[in-house]
Protein backbone atom coordinates (compact mmCIF):
# COMPACT_ATOMS: atom_id res chain seq x y z
CA MET A 1 -6.78 -9.73 20.29
CA ASP A 2 -8.36 -12.20 22.70
CA PRO A 3 -7.94 -15.72 21.25
CA SER A 4 -10.78 -16.96 23.45
CA ASN A 5 -13.28 -14.81 21.54
CA SER A 6 -14.85 -17.17 19.00
CA ASN A 7 -15.61 -14.28 16.66
CA ARG A 8 -11.93 -13.40 16.40
CA SER A 9 -10.13 -16.66 17.02
CA ILE A 10 -7.75 -18.05 14.46
CA ARG A 11 -9.00 -21.24 12.87
CA PRO A 12 -6.92 -24.17 14.18
CA HIS A 13 -4.19 -24.58 11.63
CA PRO A 14 -0.51 -25.47 12.06
CA GLU A 15 0.62 -22.57 9.86
CA VAL A 16 -0.60 -19.90 12.28
CA ILE A 17 1.62 -21.04 15.14
CA PRO A 18 4.60 -18.66 14.97
CA PRO A 19 7.67 -20.65 13.82
CA SER A 20 11.08 -20.08 15.34
CA LYS A 21 12.12 -17.89 12.41
CA PRO A 22 10.11 -14.66 11.98
CA SER A 23 10.51 -14.89 8.21
CA ASP A 24 8.53 -18.16 8.23
CA ARG A 25 5.52 -16.61 9.91
CA PRO A 26 2.37 -16.15 7.83
CA ILE A 27 1.25 -13.00 6.10
CA ALA A 28 -1.91 -11.45 7.57
CA ILE A 29 -4.39 -10.28 4.92
CA SER A 30 -7.28 -7.97 5.81
CA LEU A 31 -9.93 -8.51 3.14
CA GLY A 32 -11.07 -4.92 2.63
CA ASP A 33 -14.58 -3.73 1.86
CA PRO A 34 -16.85 -6.79 1.66
CA ALA A 35 -18.83 -5.21 -1.21
CA GLY A 36 -15.63 -4.79 -3.25
CA ILE A 37 -13.13 -7.07 -4.95
CA GLY A 38 -10.88 -7.77 -1.94
CA ALA A 39 -11.89 -11.39 -1.44
CA GLU A 40 -11.79 -12.14 -5.17
CA VAL A 41 -8.31 -10.75 -5.84
CA THR A 42 -6.97 -12.34 -2.65
CA LEU A 43 -8.25 -15.84 -3.42
CA ALA A 44 -7.21 -15.45 -7.08
CA ALA A 45 -3.68 -14.39 -6.12
CA LEU A 46 -3.39 -17.24 -3.62
CA ALA A 47 -4.51 -19.74 -6.26
CA HIS A 48 -1.15 -19.24 -7.97
CA GLU A 49 0.92 -19.58 -4.78
CA PRO A 50 2.26 -22.81 -3.26
CA ARG A 51 0.40 -24.06 -0.21
CA SER A 52 3.71 -23.77 1.66
CA SER A 53 3.37 -19.95 1.63
CA PRO A 54 1.19 -19.47 4.73
CA VAL A 55 -1.36 -16.68 5.10
CA VAL A 56 -4.03 -15.72 7.62
CA LEU A 57 -7.18 -14.21 6.13
CA VAL A 58 -9.03 -11.70 8.32
CA GLY A 59 -12.72 -11.27 7.51
CA CYS A 60 -16.07 -13.02 7.72
CA ARG A 61 -15.68 -16.78 7.13
CA ARG A 62 -19.21 -17.36 5.81
CA TRP A 63 -19.01 -14.38 3.42
CA LEU A 64 -15.59 -15.55 2.21
CA GLU A 65 -16.81 -19.08 1.58
CA ASP A 66 -19.91 -17.78 -0.21
CA THR A 67 -17.70 -15.59 -2.42
CA TYR A 68 -15.55 -18.58 -3.27
CA LEU A 69 -18.53 -20.79 -4.17
CA ARG A 70 -20.09 -18.05 -6.32
CA LEU A 71 -16.92 -17.21 -8.27
CA ARG A 72 -15.28 -20.64 -8.43
CA PRO A 73 -16.99 -21.53 -11.75
CA LEU A 74 -15.61 -18.33 -13.30
CA ARG A 75 -11.90 -18.47 -12.43
CA PRO A 76 -9.23 -20.30 -10.40
CA LEU A 77 -9.42 -19.43 -6.71
CA ARG A 78 -7.80 -20.73 -3.53
CA ASP A 79 -10.31 -22.62 -1.40
CA PRO A 80 -10.69 -20.73 1.91
CA ALA A 81 -10.82 -24.13 3.61
CA ASP A 82 -7.08 -24.38 2.86
CA CYS A 83 -6.34 -21.12 4.70
CA ALA A 84 -6.25 -20.00 8.30
CA ILE A 85 -9.05 -17.51 8.94
CA VAL A 86 -9.66 -14.98 11.67
CA ASP A 87 -13.45 -14.94 11.65
CA VAL A 88 -14.94 -11.49 12.31
CA PRO A 89 -18.52 -12.07 11.14
CA LEU A 90 -20.72 -9.66 9.23
CA SER A 91 -23.97 -8.76 10.98
CA ARG A 92 -26.04 -9.07 7.80
CA PRO A 93 -25.63 -10.10 4.15
CA VAL A 94 -23.68 -7.93 1.72
CA GLU A 95 -24.51 -7.10 -1.89
CA ALA A 96 -21.52 -6.88 -4.20
CA GLY A 97 -20.94 -3.32 -5.39
CA ARG A 98 -23.15 -1.67 -2.72
CA SER A 99 -21.18 -0.37 0.24
CA GLY A 100 -22.27 1.74 3.19
CA ALA A 101 -21.79 2.07 6.92
CA HIS A 102 -22.21 -1.66 7.61
CA GLU A 103 -19.54 -2.61 5.07
CA GLY A 104 -17.29 0.25 6.15
CA ASP A 105 -17.39 -0.83 9.77
CA ALA A 106 -16.63 -4.42 8.80
CA SER A 107 -13.54 -3.47 6.79
CA PHE A 108 -12.41 -1.20 9.65
CA GLN A 109 -12.71 -4.04 12.18
CA TRP A 110 -10.97 -6.48 9.85
CA LEU A 111 -8.03 -4.13 9.38
CA THR A 112 -7.73 -3.60 13.14
CA ALA A 113 -7.79 -7.35 13.85
CA ALA A 114 -5.18 -8.06 11.15
CA ALA A 115 -2.89 -5.31 12.46
CA GLU A 116 -3.11 -6.85 15.94
CA LEU A 117 -1.87 -10.18 14.56
CA VAL A 118 1.24 -8.52 13.15
CA ASP A 119 1.77 -6.34 16.20
CA GLN A 120 1.67 -9.44 18.42
CA GLY A 121 4.33 -11.13 16.28
CA ARG A 122 1.99 -13.88 15.13
CA CYS A 123 2.37 -12.75 11.49
CA GLN A 124 5.41 -11.30 9.77
CA ALA A 125 3.68 -8.64 7.65
CA LEU A 126 0.30 -7.16 6.78
CA VAL A 127 -1.30 -7.02 3.34
CA THR A 128 -4.47 -4.94 3.04
CA ALA A 129 -7.18 -5.26 0.41
CA PRO A 130 -8.90 -2.01 -0.68
CA ILE A 131 -11.46 -0.19 1.46
CA ALA A 132 -13.97 2.56 0.66
CA LYS A 133 -13.16 5.71 2.62
CA ALA A 134 -16.72 7.01 2.24
CA SER A 135 -18.03 3.85 3.89
CA TRP A 136 -15.57 4.24 6.76
CA HIS A 137 -16.80 7.79 7.25
CA ALA A 138 -20.43 6.65 7.10
CA ALA A 139 -19.62 4.21 9.90
CA GLY A 140 -18.07 6.99 12.00
CA HIS A 141 -14.43 6.06 11.33
CA ARG A 142 -13.07 9.44 10.22
CA TYR A 143 -9.68 8.51 8.80
CA PRO A 144 -8.26 9.59 5.44
CA GLY A 145 -7.35 5.95 4.77
CA GLN A 146 -5.91 2.72 6.09
CA THR A 147 -2.43 4.21 6.43
CA GLU A 148 -3.57 6.72 9.03
CA ARG A 149 -5.48 4.08 11.03
CA LEU A 150 -2.43 1.82 11.07
CA ALA A 151 -0.25 4.72 12.24
CA GLU A 152 -2.68 5.30 15.10
CA LEU A 153 -2.66 1.63 16.09
CA ALA A 154 1.13 1.57 15.99
CA GLY A 155 1.48 4.83 17.94
CA VAL A 156 3.48 6.59 15.23
CA GLU A 157 2.95 10.04 13.73
CA ASN A 158 4.84 9.91 10.46
CA ALA A 159 3.72 6.93 8.38
CA SER A 160 4.22 7.46 4.63
CA MET A 161 2.94 5.88 1.43
CA LEU A 162 5.54 4.53 -1.01
CA PHE A 163 4.62 2.78 -4.24
CA THR A 164 7.08 0.25 -5.58
CA ALA A 165 7.10 -1.98 -8.66
CA ARG A 166 9.73 -4.09 -10.37
CA ALA A 167 10.09 -3.33 -14.08
CA PRO A 168 9.07 -6.20 -16.36
CA GLY A 169 12.05 -8.12 -17.60
CA GLY A 170 14.67 -6.17 -15.66
CA PRO A 171 16.13 -5.50 -12.24
CA TRP A 172 15.17 -1.81 -12.04
CA ARG A 173 12.47 -0.89 -9.51
CA LEU A 174 10.16 2.13 -9.67
CA ASN A 175 9.94 3.65 -6.17
CA THR A 176 7.74 6.70 -5.59
CA LEU A 177 7.14 8.17 -2.14
CA LEU A 178 4.30 10.62 -1.51
CA ALA A 179 5.23 13.58 0.68
CA THR A 180 1.54 14.18 1.44
CA THR A 181 -1.26 11.64 1.04
CA HIS A 182 -5.05 11.83 1.27
CA ILE A 183 -5.67 15.54 1.70
CA PRO A 184 -7.39 18.10 -0.54
CA LEU A 185 -5.17 19.65 -3.18
CA ALA A 186 -5.75 23.10 -1.69
CA ALA A 187 -4.24 21.89 1.60
CA VAL A 188 -0.99 20.61 0.08
CA PRO A 189 1.01 23.90 0.15
CA GLN A 190 0.06 24.42 3.81
CA GLN A 191 1.10 20.92 4.84
CA LEU A 192 4.42 20.93 2.99
CA SER A 193 7.37 22.24 4.99
CA PRO A 194 11.16 21.90 5.12
CA GLN A 195 10.78 19.56 8.11
CA LEU A 196 8.36 17.30 6.22
CA LEU A 197 10.54 17.28 3.11
CA ARG A 198 13.64 16.30 5.09
CA ARG A 199 11.77 13.55 6.92
CA GLN A 200 10.42 12.11 3.68
CA LEU A 201 13.81 12.26 2.00
CA ASP A 202 15.26 10.33 4.94
CA ALA A 203 12.52 7.71 4.60
CA LEU A 204 12.98 7.41 0.83
CA LEU A 205 16.75 7.10 1.22
CA ALA A 206 16.42 4.34 3.81
CA PHE A 207 14.05 2.37 1.58
CA CYS A 208 16.16 2.77 -1.56
CA GLN A 209 19.30 1.69 0.28
CA ARG A 210 17.74 -1.77 0.48
CA PHE A 211 18.68 -2.01 -3.20
CA SER A 212 21.58 0.47 -3.65
CA GLN A 213 23.97 1.93 -1.10
CA GLN A 214 24.40 5.09 -3.18
CA PRO A 215 20.95 5.73 -4.65
CA ARG A 216 19.93 8.52 -6.96
CA LEU A 217 16.82 10.41 -5.83
CA VAL A 218 14.62 12.81 -7.78
CA VAL A 219 12.32 15.35 -6.12
CA ALA A 220 9.38 16.84 -8.03
CA GLY A 221 8.57 20.52 -7.80
CA LEU A 222 5.22 21.78 -6.61
CA ASN A 223 4.37 24.30 -9.31
CA PRO A 224 4.24 24.03 -13.12
CA HIS A 225 7.78 24.04 -14.52
CA ALA A 226 8.98 23.86 -10.88
CA GLY A 227 7.97 27.49 -10.47
CA GLU A 228 10.09 28.74 -13.39
CA GLY A 229 12.31 30.90 -11.20
CA GLY A 230 9.41 32.18 -9.11
CA THR A 231 7.20 33.39 -11.95
CA LEU A 232 4.79 30.44 -11.58
CA GLY A 233 5.01 30.02 -7.82
CA ARG A 234 7.49 30.85 -5.08
CA GLU A 235 7.77 27.58 -3.12
CA GLU A 236 10.72 26.22 -5.11
CA VAL A 237 12.69 29.47 -4.71
CA ASP A 238 11.71 30.31 -1.16
CA TRP A 239 12.23 26.97 0.57
CA LEU A 240 12.09 23.80 -1.60
CA GLY A 241 15.36 24.47 -3.38
CA PRO A 242 17.26 25.65 -0.27
CA CYS A 243 15.96 22.68 1.72
CA LEU A 244 17.23 20.27 -0.91
CA GLU A 245 20.62 22.01 -0.99
CA LEU A 246 20.97 21.61 2.78
CA TRP A 247 19.91 17.94 2.71
CA ARG A 248 22.26 17.31 -0.22
CA SER A 249 25.19 18.79 1.72
CA GLU A 250 24.43 16.44 4.62
CA HIS A 251 24.28 13.38 2.34
CA PRO A 252 27.20 13.72 -0.08
CA GLU A 253 26.97 10.03 -0.97
CA VAL A 254 23.50 10.53 -2.47
CA ASN A 255 22.77 12.11 -5.85
CA VAL A 256 19.67 14.25 -5.28
CA GLU A 257 18.07 16.06 -8.22
CA GLY A 258 15.35 18.66 -7.99
CA PRO A 259 13.04 20.33 -7.64
CA MET A 260 12.28 18.91 -11.09
CA PRO A 261 9.42 20.12 -13.33
CA PRO A 262 6.61 17.69 -12.45
CA ASP A 263 5.52 17.18 -16.06
CA THR A 264 8.91 15.71 -17.02
CA CYS A 265 10.01 14.26 -13.69
CA TRP A 266 9.02 10.66 -14.53
CA LEU A 267 10.00 10.59 -18.23
CA GLU A 268 13.23 8.75 -17.43
CA ALA A 269 11.25 6.30 -15.30
CA ALA A 270 8.93 5.58 -18.23
CA ALA A 271 11.93 4.75 -20.42
CA ALA A 272 13.44 2.55 -17.70
CA TRP A 273 10.13 0.72 -17.30
CA ARG A 274 10.32 -0.19 -21.00
CA GLY A 275 13.90 -1.39 -20.57
CA ALA A 276 15.52 1.64 -22.21
CA GLY A 277 18.12 2.63 -19.61
CA ALA A 278 17.86 3.05 -15.85
CA GLY A 279 15.70 5.47 -13.94
CA ALA A 280 16.35 7.00 -10.56
CA ASP A 281 16.31 4.76 -7.51
CA GLY A 282 13.59 6.84 -5.87
CA TYR A 283 11.15 9.65 -6.67
CA LEU A 284 9.58 12.01 -4.14
CA ALA A 285 6.17 13.36 -5.20
CA LEU A 286 4.78 16.27 -3.24
CA TYR A 287 1.12 15.26 -3.41
CA HIS A 288 -1.04 12.24 -4.12
CA ASP A 289 -1.96 12.54 -7.80
CA GLN A 290 1.42 13.96 -8.78
CA GLY A 291 2.99 10.63 -7.86
CA LEU A 292 0.14 8.21 -8.49
CA ILE A 293 -0.65 9.26 -12.06
CA PRO A 294 2.76 8.19 -13.44
CA VAL A 295 2.88 5.12 -11.18
CA LYS A 296 -0.50 3.86 -12.33
CA LEU A 297 0.15 4.68 -15.97
CA LEU A 298 3.34 2.64 -15.91
CA ALA A 299 2.64 -0.09 -13.39
CA PHE A 300 -1.04 -0.34 -12.57
CA ASP A 301 -1.06 -4.14 -12.14
CA ALA A 302 2.43 -4.33 -10.66
CA ALA A 303 2.71 -1.44 -8.20
CA VAL A 304 2.43 -2.04 -4.48
CA ASN A 305 1.59 0.47 -1.77
CA THR A 306 4.18 0.04 0.99
CA THR A 307 3.76 1.96 4.24
CA LEU A 308 6.97 3.39 5.68
CA GLY A 309 7.34 4.41 9.32
CA LEU A 310 5.36 1.57 10.91
CA PRO A 311 7.02 -0.95 13.27
CA PHE A 312 5.84 -3.69 10.88
CA LEU A 313 5.68 -4.12 7.12
CA ARG A 314 2.41 -3.31 5.36
CA THR A 315 1.74 -3.60 1.64
CA SER A 316 -1.40 -3.16 -0.43
CA PRO A 317 -2.42 -3.32 -4.09
CA ASP A 318 -2.49 0.05 -5.79
CA HIS A 319 -6.13 -0.15 -6.93
CA GLY A 320 -9.43 0.47 -5.20
CA THR A 321 -12.59 -1.48 -4.41
CA ALA A 322 -13.81 -1.60 -8.05
CA PHE A 323 -17.46 -1.76 -7.02
CA ALA A 324 -18.55 -1.64 -10.68
CA ILE A 325 -17.15 -5.15 -11.33
CA ALA A 326 -17.38 -6.65 -7.84
CA GLY A 327 -18.84 -10.14 -7.70
CA GLN A 328 -18.47 -10.77 -11.44
CA GLY A 329 -15.17 -12.66 -11.55
CA LEU A 330 -13.52 -9.91 -13.62
CA ALA A 331 -11.06 -8.36 -11.16
CA ARG A 332 -7.36 -8.67 -11.96
CA GLU A 333 -5.29 -10.14 -9.14
CA GLN A 334 -1.81 -9.09 -10.33
CA SER A 335 -1.43 -6.15 -7.94
CA MET A 336 -2.53 -8.24 -4.95
CA ALA A 337 -0.06 -10.95 -5.99
CA ALA A 338 2.64 -8.28 -6.19
CA ALA A 339 1.67 -7.02 -2.72
CA LEU A 340 2.06 -10.53 -1.29
CA ASP A 341 5.36 -11.03 -3.10
CA THR A 342 6.71 -7.68 -1.88
CA ALA A 343 5.65 -8.45 1.70
CA ARG A 344 7.64 -11.67 1.58
CA GLN A 345 10.65 -10.04 -0.09
CA LEU A 346 10.90 -7.12 2.31
CA GLY A 347 9.45 -8.64 5.48
């Protein structure tokens, strides 16, 4: 990013000068689709944080200030004037809840600018507000999601989506990694492979070892009842099971269970979330909805999307743009607050 470009320069503010300790650097926040709830949940989450927790907001300054003035009578919000802002202006006004190519291009540019801040070492981590993939596509940005764009910017091939949430009232943490992400369900069996499974198990193990040196991991099966011995699908018999056996033999310190029937895989996690025992340290889901349905049922306001495989930390709330309630002061900020908290904990 060229700091001399007035459209992308950081507002003069002492907090955006990188301190001597990387952990004291601000969090960069890309504000997502301007027709969605990104600005609202960000300013609402920041309203509950001390001013000593520095952030840099990446978006359109005028739009952000207008959002604040419109919603301020409805709920507590952080005044954008108290924040550093990378100003990437919108080319025309935006209507809350109505997103298209203009809004998609804006959120794409905001994400790119925020990622540059982190890549340059000016910020310690990246938090991303939700975008609309259809609007990205309408603008010509043909990515499945923000994760894939960030992987491209970072020059990595194997970024992964992990959702993490601390159980209420206890130390246990729900960690679910997706083996595949934003692809059609029909494409999942073709994309899955022993190489992918091993790589994702390695990533899940490394993340879970932040909290336990000898974690217990659970891997979901692909088919109903995990194939039931091959009668409901052959993947578990032909390669999933043997792949897990080989990985297990190479990691004797790790308790790896699976392939587990997907419909019961997260039952223990549900009990642990309620405080009734402890769940596994990590779960590996083989496709998007297999992992996200239990995560969102248990921890919709607490779960955080954490991207693994990037050279910097990125977190995001686990919800979408919520166009139906955008601009009304109704959006819940808990998941964005959790994303900021997780970025500071793990950054």
